[in-house]
Amino acid sequence: MLKEAKYVMEQIGADAIITGEVLGQRPMSQTRDKLNLVIKHAGLKGRLLRPLSAKLLKPTIPEIEGKINRDMLENISGRSRRRQMEMAEEFGLDDYPSPAAGCLLTDPGYSKRLKDLLEYDPDVDFTALNLLKVGRHFRFSPTTKIVVGRDESENDKIEKYRKPEDVQLEAMGTGSPVTLLVGEPTEDAVLFAARLTARYCDQKYQPSVRITVSYPDNEEVIEVPPAEDAKLAQIRL
């Protein structure tokens, strides 16, 4: 991964690569010897900055050149996350995963969604990446993806990540997921997103459900039957 990052660094003329590693936090991979080995194998001598433990490590070239103030860097070591949590509080950050959760890229579900996103939308942004972490994802077509919330917390996040051009759907008068249609809102795509919303709302056993469809510039109500599970399994990410 760092070799790929080095390639990008050289392409854009950046001075360093920054990672969140902490000296001694993981006993098998973040010892001083292993951290140095990574630098050697990636060809990043003097260019790999680990700001959380920087004062315990050799200064990087940007620090020596005065481009980065070493005095503002940290000297964290060991497995405790107390200082990181203090820093998160200082910066007003409260929406972060469990410290022992590991890298998202090791999660098969997230990796599958990321691969799909890069295949159909190579110009990704942070909103699209954050959306990968919540809800049920369905690839309706090469130009359209549908995301359905699983609980109130995910519904809130999906609403937060909605872009002005996205279509939002909810079932009326019942417990309902927030559904987001990302991409081309064709008639078939909107209809299927509505049926998905009906499938996961509290009226999913009813023959039809009334769904509110909120477009960027208008809103309508349609009545649809819930989607069939056999179809969902084919396109779920």
Foldseek 3Di string as FASTA:
>chain_A
DLLVVVVVCVVVVHQAAEDQDADAQDVPQRHPVNVVVVCVVSVQQLHYDHQQQRVVDDHHPCCVVVVDPNVPGHRDHHNDCVVVVVVCVVVVHDPDDDPPPDDPCVPVQLVVVVVLCCVLPVPDDVLSSVLSVAAWWFCPDSFKIKGWGDDPVRQVSVVVSDDLQWKWKFFPPFAWTIMIIGGDPDPVSVQLSNLQGCCRIPNLVDQKTWMWIGGSVDIDIDIHHHDDPVVRVVGID
